[in-house]
Structures are given as structure tokens and as C-alpha cells.
C-alpha atoms as a PDB file:
ATOM      1  CA  UNK A   1     -61.336  62.033  -9.724  1.00  0.00           C
ATOM      2  CA  UNK A   2     -63.206  61.394 -12.996  1.00  0.00           C
ATOM      3  CA  UNK A   3     -63.329  62.594 -16.598  1.00  0.00           C
ATOM      4  CA  UNK A   4     -62.458  66.276 -16.683  1.00  0.00           C
ATOM      5  CA  UNK A   5     -62.113  66.828 -12.947  1.00  0.00           C
ATOM      6  CA  UNK A   6     -58.710  68.521 -13.297  1.00  0.00           C
ATOM      7  CA  UNK A   7     -58.692  72.175 -14.341  1.00  0.00           C
ATOM      8  CA  UNK A   8     -55.545  71.726 -16.489  1.00  0.00           C
ATOM      9  CA  UNK A   9     -56.733  68.567 -18.230  1.00  0.00           C
ATOM     10  CA  UNK A  10     -58.086  70.455 -21.238  1.00  0.00           C
ATOM     11  CA  UNK A  11     -54.776  72.278 -21.671  1.00  0.00           C
ATOM     12  CA  UNK A  12     -52.817  69.031 -21.486  1.00  0.00           C
ATOM     13  CA  UNK A  13     -55.115  67.387 -24.006  1.00  0.00           C
ATOM     14  CA  UNK A  14     -54.300  70.136 -26.502  1.00  0.00           C
ATOM     15  CA  UNK A  15     -50.744  68.756 -26.687  1.00  0.00           C
ATOM     16  CA  UNK A  16     -51.744  65.169 -27.419  1.00  0.00           C
ATOM     17  CA  UNK A  17     -50.644  63.606 -30.703  1.00  0.00           C
ATOM     18  CA  UNK A  18     -50.140  59.947 -29.781  1.00  0.00           C
ATOM     19  CA  UNK A  19     -52.518  57.514 -28.056  1.00  0.00           C
ATOM     20  CA  UNK A  20     -51.156  54.469 -26.187  1.00  0.00           C
ATOM     21  CA  UNK A  21     -53.930  51.919 -25.792  1.00  0.00           C
ATOM     22  CA  UNK A  22     -53.747  48.868 -23.570  1.00  0.00           C
ATOM     23  CA  UNK A  23     -56.021  46.100 -24.815  1.00  0.00           C
ATOM     24  CA  UNK A  24     -57.268  43.624 -22.204  1.00  0.00           C
ATOM     25  CA  UNK A  25     -59.300  45.324 -19.499  1.00  0.00           C
ATOM     26  CA  UNK A  26     -58.970  48.676 -21.282  1.00  0.00           C
ATOM     27  CA  UNK A  27     -59.791  48.903 -24.986  1.00  0.00           C
ATOM     28  CA  UNK A  28     -61.434  45.478 -25.086  1.00  0.00           C
ATOM     29  CA  UNK A  29     -64.538  44.450 -23.159  1.00  0.00           C
ATOM     30  CA  UNK A  30     -64.412  41.127 -21.377  1.00  0.00           C
ATOM     31  CA  UNK A  31     -65.618  39.257 -24.482  1.00  0.00           C
ATOM     32  CA  UNK A  32     -62.363  40.333 -26.237  1.00  0.00           C
ATOM     33  CA  UNK A  33     -64.101  41.777 -29.293  1.00  0.00           C
ATOM     34  CA  UNK A  34     -63.806  45.309 -30.718  1.00  0.00           C
ATOM     35  CA  UNK A  35     -67.230  46.984 -30.347  1.00  0.00           C
ATOM     36  CA  UNK A  36     -68.507  48.950 -33.333  1.00  0.00           C
ATOM     37  CA  UNK A  37     -68.703  52.205 -31.367  1.00  0.00           C
ATOM     38  CA  UNK A  38     -65.102  51.844 -30.190  1.00  0.00           C
ATOM     39  CA  UNK A  39     -63.913  51.065 -33.707  1.00  0.00           C
ATOM     40  CA  UNK A  40     -65.766  54.083 -35.070  1.00  0.00           C
ATOM     41  CA  UNK A  41     -64.222  56.422 -32.498  1.00  0.00           C
ATOM     42  CA  UNK A  42     -60.727  55.100 -33.208  1.00  0.00           C
ATOM     43  CA  UNK A  43     -61.302  55.759 -36.904  1.00  0.00           C
ATOM     44  CA  UNK A  44     -62.409  59.299 -36.052  1.00  0.00           C
ATOM     45  CA  UNK A  45     -59.277  59.825 -33.975  1.00  0.00           C
ATOM     46  CA  UNK A  46     -57.080  58.535 -36.781  1.00  0.00           C
ATOM     47  CA  UNK A  47     -58.827  60.818 -39.269  1.00  0.00           C
ATOM     48  CA  UNK A  48     -58.255  63.753 -36.903  1.00  0.00           C
ATOM     49  CA  UNK A  49     -54.501  63.150 -37.093  1.00  0.00           C
ATOM     50  CA  UNK A  50     -53.821  61.182 -33.919  1.00  0.00           C
ATOM     51  CA  UNK A  51     -51.373  58.285 -34.046  1.00  0.00           C
ATOM     52  CA  UNK A  52     -52.834  55.157 -32.441  1.00  0.00           C
ATOM     53  CA  UNK A  53     -50.489  52.730 -30.694  1.00  0.00           C
ATOM     54  CA  UNK A  54     -51.492  49.403 -29.185  1.00  0.00           C
ATOM     55  CA  UNK A  55     -49.455  48.729 -26.015  1.00  0.00           C
ATOM     56  CA  UNK A  56     -50.077  45.211 -24.781  1.00  0.00           C
ATOM     57  CA  UNK A  57     -48.556  42.236 -23.034  1.00  0.00           C
ATOM     58  CA  UNK A  58     -49.796  40.140 -25.930  1.00  0.00           C
ATOM     59  CA  UNK A  59     -47.659  38.825 -28.759  1.00  0.00           C
ATOM     60  CA  UNK A  60     -47.773  40.525 -32.155  1.00  0.00           C
ATOM     61  CA  UNK A  61     -50.016  37.725 -33.399  1.00  0.00           C
ATOM     62  CA  UNK A  62     -52.299  38.337 -30.429  1.00  0.00           C
ATOM     63  CA  UNK A  63     -52.881  41.973 -31.370  1.00  0.00           C
ATOM     64  CA  UNK A  64     -52.525  41.818 -35.147  1.00  0.00           C
ATOM     65  CA  UNK A  65     -55.357  39.288 -35.356  1.00  0.00           C
ATOM     66  CA  UNK A  66     -57.818  42.170 -34.934  1.00  0.00           C
ATOM     67  CA  UNK A  67     -58.000  42.760 -38.670  1.00  0.00           C
ATOM     68  CA  UNK A  68     -60.283  45.784 -38.584  1.00  0.00           C
ATOM     69  CA  UNK A  69     -57.663  47.696 -36.572  1.00  0.00           C
ATOM     70  CA  UNK A  70     -54.751  47.041 -38.913  1.00  0.00           C
ATOM     71  CA  UNK A  71     -55.315  50.072 -41.150  1.00  0.00           C
ATOM     72  CA  UNK A  72     -55.612  52.546 -38.274  1.00  0.00           C
ATOM     73  CA  UNK A  73     -52.877  51.433 -35.850  1.00  0.00           C
ATOM     74  CA  UNK A  74     -49.478  53.089 -36.369  1.00  0.00           C
ATOM     75  CA  UNK A  75     -47.432  51.012 -33.910  1.00  0.00           C
ATOM     76  CA  UNK A  76     -47.828  47.773 -32.002  1.00  0.00           C
ATOM     77  CA  UNK A  77     -45.893  47.673 -28.718  1.00  0.00           C
ATOM     78  CA  UNK A  78     -46.098  43.982 -27.822  1.00  0.00           C
ATOM     79  CA  UNK A  79     -44.866  41.767 -24.987  1.00  0.00           C
ATOM     80  CA  UNK A  80     -44.986  44.795 -22.676  1.00  0.00           C
ATOM     81  CA  UNK A  81     -42.384  46.630 -24.753  1.00  0.00           C
ATOM     82  CA  UNK A  82     -40.184  43.685 -25.696  1.00  0.00           C
ATOM     83  CA  UNK A  83     -41.316  43.596 -29.333  1.00  0.00           C
ATOM     84  CA  UNK A  84     -42.307  46.676 -31.362  1.00  0.00           C
ATOM     85  CA  UNK A  85     -43.743  46.712 -34.867  1.00  0.00           C
ATOM     86  CA  UNK A  86     -43.937  49.801 -37.077  1.00  0.00           C
ATOM     87  CA  UNK A  87     -47.313  49.594 -38.806  1.00  0.00           C
ATOM     88  CA  UNK A  88     -47.306  53.017 -40.473  1.00  0.00           C
ATOM     89  CA  UNK A  89     -47.395  51.043 -43.715  1.00  0.00           C
ATOM     90  CA  UNK A  90     -50.054  48.421 -42.859  1.00  0.00           C
ATOM     91  CA  UNK A  91     -49.198  46.430 -45.976  1.00  0.00           C
ATOM     92  CA  UNK A  92     -45.660  45.890 -44.693  1.00  0.00           C
ATOM     93  CA  UNK A  93     -45.304  45.960 -40.866  1.00  0.00           C
ATOM     94  CA  UNK A  94     -41.654  46.091 -39.817  1.00  0.00           C
ATOM     95  CA  UNK A  95     -39.889  45.093 -36.611  1.00  0.00           C
ATOM     96  CA  UNK A  96     -38.068  47.998 -34.942  1.00  0.00           C
ATOM     97  CA  UNK A  97     -37.215  46.523 -31.530  1.00  0.00           C
ATOM     98  CA  UNK A  98     -36.866  43.074 -29.977  1.00  0.00           C
ATOM     99  CA  UNK A  99     -35.556  42.130 -26.522  1.00  0.00           C
ATOM    100  CA  UNK A 100     -35.794  38.523 -25.312  1.00  0.00           C
ATOM    101  CA  UNK A 101     -35.016  36.447 -22.267  1.00  0.00           C
ATOM    102  CA  UNK A 102     -31.908  34.445 -23.169  1.00  0.00           C
ATOM    103  CA  UNK A 103     -32.181  30.637 -23.457  1.00  0.00           C
ATOM    104  CA  UNK A 104     -29.781  30.283 -20.532  1.00  0.00           C
ATOM    105  CA  UNK A 105     -31.832  32.554 -18.288  1.00  0.00           C
ATOM    106  CA  UNK A 106     -35.032  30.803 -19.351  1.00  0.00           C
ATOM    107  CA  UNK A 107     -33.506  27.448 -18.454  1.00  0.00           C
ATOM    108  CA  UNK A 108     -32.594  28.714 -14.979  1.00  0.00           C
ATOM    109  CA  UNK A 109     -36.158  29.981 -14.441  1.00  0.00           C
ATOM    110  CA  UNK A 110     -37.539  26.616 -15.564  1.00  0.00           C
ATOM    111  CA  UNK A 111     -35.246  24.763 -13.201  1.00  0.00           C
ATOM    112  CA  UNK A 112     -36.447  26.681 -10.159  1.00  0.00           C
ATOM    113  CA  UNK A 113     -40.077  26.252 -11.260  1.00  0.00           C
ATOM    114  CA  UNK A 114     -39.541  22.506 -11.517  1.00  0.00           C
ATOM    115  CA  UNK A 115     -37.995  22.371  -8.047  1.00  0.00           C
ATOM    116  CA  UNK A 116     -40.772  24.442  -6.443  1.00  0.00           C
ATOM    117  CA  UNK A 117     -43.679  22.885  -8.356  1.00  0.00           C
ATOM    118  CA  UNK A 118     -44.777  26.276  -9.690  1.00  0.00           C
ATOM    119  CA  UNK A 119     -46.655  26.487 -12.984  1.00  0.00           C
ATOM    120  CA  UNK A 120     -44.669  28.104 -15.798  1.00  0.00           C
ATOM    121  CA  UNK A 121     -45.417  29.425 -19.273  1.00  0.00           C
ATOM    122  CA  UNK A 122     -42.801  30.870 -21.619  1.00  0.00           C
ATOM    123  CA  UNK A 123     -44.301  33.127 -24.294  1.00  0.00           C
ATOM    124  CA  UNK A 124     -42.877  33.354 -27.795  1.00  0.00           C
ATOM    125  CA  UNK A 125     -44.417  34.930 -30.874  1.00  0.00           C
ATOM    126  CA  UNK A 126     -45.923  31.585 -31.824  1.00  0.00           C
ATOM    127  CA  UNK A 127     -46.158  29.242 -28.851  1.00  0.00           C
ATOM    128  CA  UNK A 128     -46.539  29.232 -25.101  1.00  0.00           C
ATOM    129  CA  UNK A 129     -44.390  26.485 -23.614  1.00  0.00           C
ATOM    130  CA  UNK A 130     -46.338  25.293 -20.577  1.00  0.00           C
ATOM    131  CA  UNK A 131     -44.787  23.357 -17.706  1.00  0.00           C
ATOM    132  CA  UNK A 132     -47.146  21.920 -15.074  1.00  0.00           C
ATOM    133  CA  UNK A 133     -49.979  24.295 -16.094  1.00  0.00           C
ATOM    134  CA  UNK A 134     -53.725  23.898 -15.543  1.00  0.00           C
ATOM    135  CA  UNK A 135     -56.563  24.710 -17.949  1.00  0.00           C
ATOM    136  CA  UNK A 136     -56.935  28.293 -16.703  1.00  0.00           C
ATOM    137  CA  UNK A 137     -53.292  29.006 -17.471  1.00  0.00           C
ATOM    138  CA  UNK A 138     -53.709  27.522 -20.953  1.00  0.00           C
ATOM    139  CA  UNK A 139     -56.572  29.974 -21.515  1.00  0.00           C
ATOM    140  CA  UNK A 140     -54.415  32.829 -20.249  1.00  0.00           C
ATOM    141  CA  UNK A 141     -51.612  31.877 -22.628  1.00  0.00           C
ATOM    142  CA  UNK A 142     -54.088  31.959 -25.518  1.00  0.00           C
ATOM    143  CA  UNK A 143     -55.197  35.466 -24.533  1.00  0.00           C
ATOM    144  CA  UNK A 144     -51.563  36.606 -24.565  1.00  0.00           C
ATOM    145  CA  UNK A 145     -51.539  35.448 -28.176  1.00  0.00           C
ATOM    146  CA  UNK A 146     -49.564  32.213 -28.035  1.00  0.00           C
ATOM    147  CA  UNK A 147     -50.600  28.629 -28.770  1.00  0.00           C
ATOM    148  CA  UNK A 148     -50.251  26.585 -25.553  1.00  0.00           C
ATOM    149  CA  UNK A 149     -47.894  23.659 -25.922  1.00  0.00           C
ATOM    150  CA  UNK A 150     -47.651  21.178 -23.077  1.00  0.00           C
ATOM    151  CA  UNK A 151     -44.066  20.249 -22.404  1.00  0.00           C
ATOM    152  CA  UNK A 152     -41.873  18.727 -19.753  1.00  0.00           C
ATOM    153  CA  UNK A 153     -38.661  19.963 -18.239  1.00  0.00           C
ATOM    154  CA  UNK A 154     -36.394  17.683 -20.265  1.00  0.00           C
ATOM    155  CA  UNK A 155     -37.845  18.955 -23.547  1.00  0.00           C
ATOM    156  CA  UNK A 156     -37.563  22.642 -22.666  1.00  0.00           C
ATOM    157  CA  UNK A 157     -33.880  22.979 -23.504  1.00  0.00           C
ATOM    158  CA  UNK A 158     -34.502  22.124 -27.137  1.00  0.00           C
ATOM    159  CA  UNK A 159     -37.624  24.264 -27.364  1.00  0.00           C
ATOM    160  CA  UNK A 160     -35.875  27.302 -25.891  1.00  0.00           C
ATOM    161  CA  UNK A 161     -32.890  27.125 -28.227  1.00  0.00           C
ATOM    162  CA  UNK A 162     -34.614  29.468 -30.692  1.00  0.00           C
ATOM    163  CA  UNK A 163     -34.051  32.258 -28.176  1.00  0.00           C
ATOM    164  CA  UNK A 164     -37.295  34.132 -28.746  1.00  0.00           C
ATOM    165  CA  UNK A 165     -38.864  33.918 -25.272  1.00  0.00           C
ATOM    166  CA  UNK A 166     -40.204  37.350 -24.397  1.00  0.00           C
ATOM    167  CA  UNK A 167     -42.079  36.752 -21.148  1.00  0.00           C
ATOM    168  CA  UNK A 168     -42.037  34.124 -18.403  1.00  0.00           C
ATOM    169  CA  UNK A 169     -45.308  33.669 -16.496  1.00  0.00           C
ATOM    170  CA  UNK A 170     -45.028  31.895 -13.148  1.00  0.00           C
ATOM    171  CA  UNK A 171     -47.997  30.859 -11.015  1.00  0.00           C
ATOM    172  CA  UNK A 172     -48.167  29.245  -7.600  1.00  0.00           C
ATOM    173  CA  UNK A 173     -48.667  29.798  -3.910  1.00  0.00           C
ATOM    174  CA  UNK A 174     -46.665  32.453  -2.113  1.00  0.00           C
ATOM    175  CA  UNK A 175     -43.910  30.045  -1.158  1.00  0.00           C
ATOM    176  CA  UNK A 176     -43.475  28.688  -4.678  1.00  0.00           C
ATOM    177  CA  UNK A 177     -43.344  32.102  -6.320  1.00  0.00           C
ATOM    178  CA  UNK A 178     -40.960  33.496  -3.698  1.00  0.00           C
ATOM    179  CA  UNK A 179     -38.708  30.454  -4.129  1.00  0.00           C
ATOM    180  CA  UNK A 180     -38.451  31.006  -7.874  1.00  0.00           C
ATOM    181  CA  UNK A 181     -37.821  34.739  -7.615  1.00  0.00           C
ATOM    182  CA  UNK A 182     -35.404  34.615  -4.685  1.00  0.00           C
ATOM    183  CA  UNK A 183     -33.277  31.893  -6.227  1.00  0.00           C
ATOM    184  CA  UNK A 184     -33.363  33.317  -9.740  1.00  0.00           C
ATOM    185  CA  UNK A 185     -32.330  36.738  -8.410  1.00  0.00           C
ATOM    186  CA  UNK A 186     -29.297  35.164  -6.751  1.00  0.00           C
ATOM    187  CA  UNK A 187     -28.421  33.089  -9.807  1.00  0.00           C
ATOM    188  CA  UNK A 188     -28.237  35.970 -12.296  1.00  0.00           C
ATOM    189  CA  UNK A 189     -26.495  39.325 -12.378  1.00  0.00           C
ATOM    190  CA  UNK A 190     -29.149  40.637 -14.753  1.00  0.00           C
ATOM    191  CA  UNK A 191     -31.749  43.018 -13.366  1.00  0.00           C
ATOM    192  CA  UNK A 192     -35.016  41.706 -14.800  1.00  0.00           C
ATOM    193  CA  UNK A 193     -38.226  43.698 -15.054  1.00  0.00           C
ATOM    194  CA  UNK A 194     -40.736  42.055 -12.719  1.00  0.00           C
ATOM    195  CA  UNK A 195     -44.441  42.183 -11.919  1.00  0.00           C
ATOM    196  CA  UNK A 196     -45.360  40.316  -8.747  1.00  0.00           C
ATOM    197  CA  UNK A 197     -49.073  40.212  -8.028  1.00  0.00           C
ATOM    198  CA  UNK A 198     -51.954  38.111  -6.731  1.00  0.00           C
ATOM    199  CA  UNK A 199     -54.782  36.606  -8.778  1.00  0.00           C
ATOM    200  CA  UNK A 200     -57.728  36.501  -6.419  1.00  0.00           C
ATOM    201  CA  UNK A 201     -59.933  34.619  -8.891  1.00  0.00           C
ATOM    202  CA  UNK A 202     -57.565  31.635  -8.641  1.00  0.00           C
ATOM    203  CA  UNK A 203     -56.045  32.224  -5.201  1.00  0.00           C
ATOM    204  CA  UNK A 204     -52.626  32.176  -6.866  1.00  0.00           C
ATOM    205  CA  UNK A 205     -49.612  34.429  -6.827  1.00  0.00           C
ATOM    206  CA  UNK A 206     -48.358  35.517 -10.227  1.00  0.00           C
ATOM    207  CA  UNK A 207     -44.864  36.505 -11.333  1.00  0.00           C
ATOM    208  CA  UNK A 208     -44.140  38.084 -14.723  1.00  0.00           C
ATOM    209  CA  UNK A 209     -40.466  38.127 -15.737  1.00  0.00           C
ATOM    210  CA  UNK A 210     -39.175  40.165 -18.674  1.00  0.00           C
ATOM    211  CA  UNK A 211     -35.764  41.108 -20.031  1.00  0.00           C
ATOM    212  CA  UNK A 212     -34.156  44.168 -18.388  1.00  0.00           C
ATOM    213  CA  UNK A 213     -35.730  47.484 -19.317  1.00  0.00           C
ATOM    214  CA  UNK A 214     -38.812  45.846 -20.777  1.00  0.00           C
ATOM    215  CA  UNK A 215     -42.028  47.636 -19.900  1.00  0.00           C
ATOM    216  CA  UNK A 216     -44.727  49.415 -21.833  1.00  0.00           C
ATOM    217  CA  UNK A 217     -43.367  52.866 -21.060  1.00  0.00           C
ATOM    218  CA  UNK A 218     -39.903  52.104 -22.413  1.00  0.00           C
ATOM    219  CA  UNK A 219     -41.572  50.592 -25.449  1.00  0.00           C
ATOM    220  CA  UNK A 220     -43.796  53.541 -26.280  1.00  0.00           C
ATOM    221  CA  UNK A 221     -40.939  55.931 -25.402  1.00  0.00           C
ATOM    222  CA  UNK A 222     -38.952  54.335 -28.239  1.00  0.00           C
ATOM    223  CA  UNK A 223     -41.802  55.122 -30.596  1.00  0.00           C
ATOM    224  CA  UNK A 224     -41.983  58.717 -29.387  1.00  0.00           C
ATOM    225  CA  UNK A 225     -38.222  59.208 -29.741  1.00  0.00           C
ATOM    226  CA  UNK A 226     -38.274  57.714 -33.217  1.00  0.00           C
ATOM    227  CA  UNK A 227     -40.835  60.330 -34.236  1.00  0.00           C
ATOM    228  CA  UNK A 228     -39.339  63.291 -32.372  1.00  0.00           C
ATOM    229  CA  UNK A 229     -42.267  63.445 -29.965  1.00  0.00           C
ATOM    230  CA  UNK A 230     -42.186  64.167 -26.218  1.00  0.00           C
ATOM    231  CA  UNK A 231     -44.026  62.472 -23.367  1.00  0.00           C
ATOM    232  CA  UNK A 232     -46.314  65.490 -23.050  1.00  0.00           C
ATOM    233  CA  UNK A 233     -47.686  64.591 -26.483  1.00  0.00           C
ATOM    234  CA  UNK A 234     -48.843  61.154 -25.298  1.00  0.00           C
ATOM    235  CA  UNK A 235     -52.063  60.036 -23.665  1.00  0.00           C
ATOM    236  CA  UNK A 236     -52.003  56.505 -22.241  1.00  0.00           C
ATOM    237  CA  UNK A 237     -54.914  54.303 -21.170  1.00  0.00           C
ATOM    238  CA  UNK A 238     -54.554  51.294 -18.881  1.00  0.00           C
ATOM    239  CA  UNK A 239     -55.969  49.194 -16.072  1.00  0.00           C
ATOM    240  CA  UNK A 240     -53.365  46.773 -14.720  1.00  0.00           C
ATOM    241  CA  UNK A 241     -49.920  46.614 -13.099  1.00  0.00           C
ATOM    242  CA  UNK A 242     -48.084  46.390 -16.414  1.00  0.00           C
ATOM    243  CA  UNK A 243     -49.504  49.799 -17.395  1.00  0.00           C
ATOM    244  CA  UNK A 244     -48.050  51.591 -14.361  1.00  0.00           C
ATOM    245  CA  UNK A 245     -44.933  53.205 -15.878  1.00  0.00           C
ATOM    246  CA  UNK A 246     -46.801  54.179 -19.029  1.00  0.00           C
ATOM    247  CA  UNK A 247     -49.648  55.798 -17.093  1.00  0.00           C
ATOM    248  CA  UNK A 248     -47.263  57.596 -14.742  1.00  0.00           C
ATOM    249  CA  UNK A 249     -44.976  59.025 -17.440  1.00  0.00           C
ATOM    250  CA  UNK A 250     -47.445  60.001 -20.166  1.00  0.00           C
ATOM    251  CA  UNK A 251     -48.480  63.622 -20.543  1.00  0.00           C
ATOM    252  CA  UNK A 252     -51.977  62.419 -19.708  1.00  0.00           C
ATOM    253  CA  UNK A 253     -52.240  59.090 -17.917  1.00  0.00           C
ATOM    254  CA  UNK A 254     -55.773  57.705 -17.899  1.00  0.00           C
ATOM    255  CA  UNK A 255     -56.841  54.891 -15.589  1.00  0.00           C
ATOM    256  CA  UNK A 256     -59.910  52.884 -16.409  1.00  0.00           C
ATOM    257  CA  UNK A 257     -62.783  52.949 -13.964  1.00  0.00           C
ATOM    258  CA  UNK A 258     -62.097  49.228 -13.480  1.00  0.00           C
ATOM    259  CA  UNK A 259     -58.333  49.712 -12.954  1.00  0.00           C
ATOM    260  CA  UNK A 260     -56.179  48.361 -10.141  1.00  0.00           C
ATOM    261  CA  UNK A 261     -55.731  50.755  -7.211  1.00  0.00           C
ATOM    262  CA  UNK A 262     -52.068  51.414  -8.062  1.00  0.00           C
ATOM    263  CA  UNK A 263     -52.993  52.483 -11.601  1.00  0.00           C
ATOM    264  CA  UNK A 264     -55.721  54.798 -10.368  1.00  0.00           C
ATOM    265  CA  UNK A 265     -53.240  56.394  -7.986  1.00  0.00           C
ATOM    266  CA  UNK A 266     -50.654  56.892 -10.747  1.00  0.00           C
ATOM    267  CA  UNK A 267     -53.119  58.343 -13.269  1.00  0.00           C
ATOM    268  CA  UNK A 268     -53.951  61.966 -13.908  1.00  0.00           C
ATOM    269  CA  UNK A 269     -57.583  61.150 -14.608  1.00  0.00           C
ATOM    270  CA  UNK A 270     -60.010  58.220 -14.399  1.00  0.00           C
ATOM    271  CA  UNK A 271     -62.635  57.299 -16.977  1.00  0.00           C
ATOM    272  CA  UNK A 272     -66.281  57.485 -15.976  1.00  0.00           C
ATOM    273  CA  UNK A 273     -66.960  54.169 -17.721  1.00  0.00           C
ATOM    274  CA  UNK A 274     -65.251  50.787 -17.467  1.00  0.00           C
ATOM    275  CA  UNK A 275     -63.941  48.576 -20.273  1.00  0.00           C
ATOM    276  CA  UNK A 276     -67.320  46.882 -20.737  1.00  0.00           C
ATOM    277  CA  UNK A 277     -68.905  50.323 -21.182  1.00  0.00           C
ATOM    278  CA  UNK A 278     -66.362  51.397 -23.833  1.00  0.00           C
ATOM    279  CA  UNK A 279     -64.711  53.843 -21.450  1.00  0.00           C
ATOM    280  CA  UNK A 280     -61.725  54.497 -23.730  1.00  0.00           C
ATOM    281  CA  UNK A 281     -63.862  55.375 -26.734  1.00  0.00           C
ATOM    282  CA  UNK A 282     -66.167  57.602 -24.689  1.00  0.00           C
ATOM    283  CA  UNK A 283     -63.204  59.501 -23.238  1.00  0.00           C
ATOM    284  CA  UNK A 284     -61.537  59.971 -26.634  1.00  0.00           C
ATOM    285  CA  UNK A 285     -64.724  61.155 -28.275  1.00  0.00           C
ATOM    286  CA  UNK A 286     -65.721  63.594 -25.557  1.00  0.00           C
ATOM    287  CA  UNK A 287     -62.340  64.909 -24.396  1.00  0.00           C
ATOM    288  CA  UNK A 288     -60.041  64.652 -27.413  1.00  0.00           C
ATOM    289  CA  UNK A 289     -62.448  64.892 -30.331  1.00  0.00           C
ATOM    290  CA  UNK A 290     -64.872  67.058 -28.345  1.00  0.00           C
ATOM    291  CA  UNK A 291     -67.914  65.293 -29.732  1.00  0.00           C
ATOM    292  CA  UNK A 292     -70.560  65.329 -27.013  1.00  0.00           C
ATOM    293  CA  UNK A 293     -73.921  63.715 -27.649  1.00  0.00           C
END
């Protein structure tokens, strides 16, 4: 399947009013900059009346730092739905939803990571508290939009007392990650949202823990409900596991050419170009704005 392969795609696109845009691996090329062509197309979409929503695992700081986007983005769905900012007035962004991992739950996660030797990073809106992490994990924390802060287990209790941990990132071999998840699951009655995957570039298993009900779909669904808009009025673009629910539930779910297999399977359509070829912008311009060069 590729751009326009479905006979009903054009009809579905007629209903679209809101765009949900993942950032890393989707809107952004690998150099993490906004290309001029992409920016221009987003401006065209905004001028045509579409509401643009960033839906990312990053913190608000990690997405809001793209200054040229601030005047055209209506909503920022951050931390995979755990933190949502209304940016319809760019001069005064306002928080409309926040759901954190409690300090007690974070402490339990940290304890099992310490016992297993797994690497751990807790993400807040300002810092990433890193326990036993290597340089690659520090870089990853920076991409998520937090400032890495090396810490030890004894210091974590004080650091976590602020209660604004949105995501726990756990890295290790299969045994370490399974130990953390199995024991944490038994230690809490709370049903956490979980992504459990494998990072082949590091030969590491990766666990993402979020507060219950926290995913990009539930985040963007809040935005739609707030504005009296249905799922059929949403087009969503994504490439990775944390985009799955959003891609599956949107009126038009679009997988990037470079997307994970599960995202491609869940999507209605696949872009003909990857993130380094500005696949999102090309799709929007040709299919939504109907500007074909």
C-alpha cells in the first residue's frame, strides 16, 4: 500500500480537520531540524484551516523549542499524552491535562532497576534523572527534551518528591527488563501503559512505563473532544510503537515509509517517502492540499 492506493482515501480525506504529527522519525529528519519545505507546507495547511497538533513522547520543552512552529501549532500532546498544552493562543500556552507517575510508584520502579542492574531514566519537564545510564541513553534523554542528570539510588527519593515524572525509560538485557516489569506488575495494583521493545542498534531491550491511560491516542482524543470533533476528522502520522493507538483509531492513519512493521499494519495508508525525504509534508501537500508539482 502507498499514497492513494485505497479507493476511499480521497473521501476520508475530505473529512479531515485535525492533523496529529509525531516528531522523531516522522515530521523530523534524522538531523532533528525542521526543513524549509516541511515548514512551508505546514504553514499552507494552517492557512487552509487545518488544526496542527504535535503528538510526541518528548517533553513540552522538547517540542516547544522549535520556535518557527509555535505560531502554527494549535496543541502540543507531550509525553505520549501525559501532558497537553493548548497553544491556540501562542502568546499564552495553557496546560489542559497532566498525568504523572506517582513518587511512590517511581521509587518502586527504581528499586527493581537497582536490583537488576538495568539502566533507568525518569523524564520530567525539566530533567531526566539517570541511574546507571551510558552515553547513548544520555543522548536519548536529551532528544526526549530533558536535561540528563546523573544520580544514584539514594538521591532519587528526594529528586522524585516533586511528583512530576511522566515517563520511565528502562534499558537492559532481556532478563533485566523482564525482572523489572514482572516485579513491578506484582507490586502495584495500577495498570500502567507499557511499551516493550528491542533496540537493535544497541542490542538492548527497552521498556517505557507511563501512568494508566497515557498514550498518544488518548491524548489527541482529549483535544478532539474538547473541540467537538470526531476521530473521522483526524489524520495521524507516525512511525514507532508509541504511535500505534493513534494510527489505528484516527480517521486516516498514515504510517511513514520508514515505520515499524506494526505501525504499517495498523495504518490505512503508507507514505511514499520516509522522514528524511519529508514524507509528511509531501503527503499533506499532494493529498490534503491537492498541490501537485
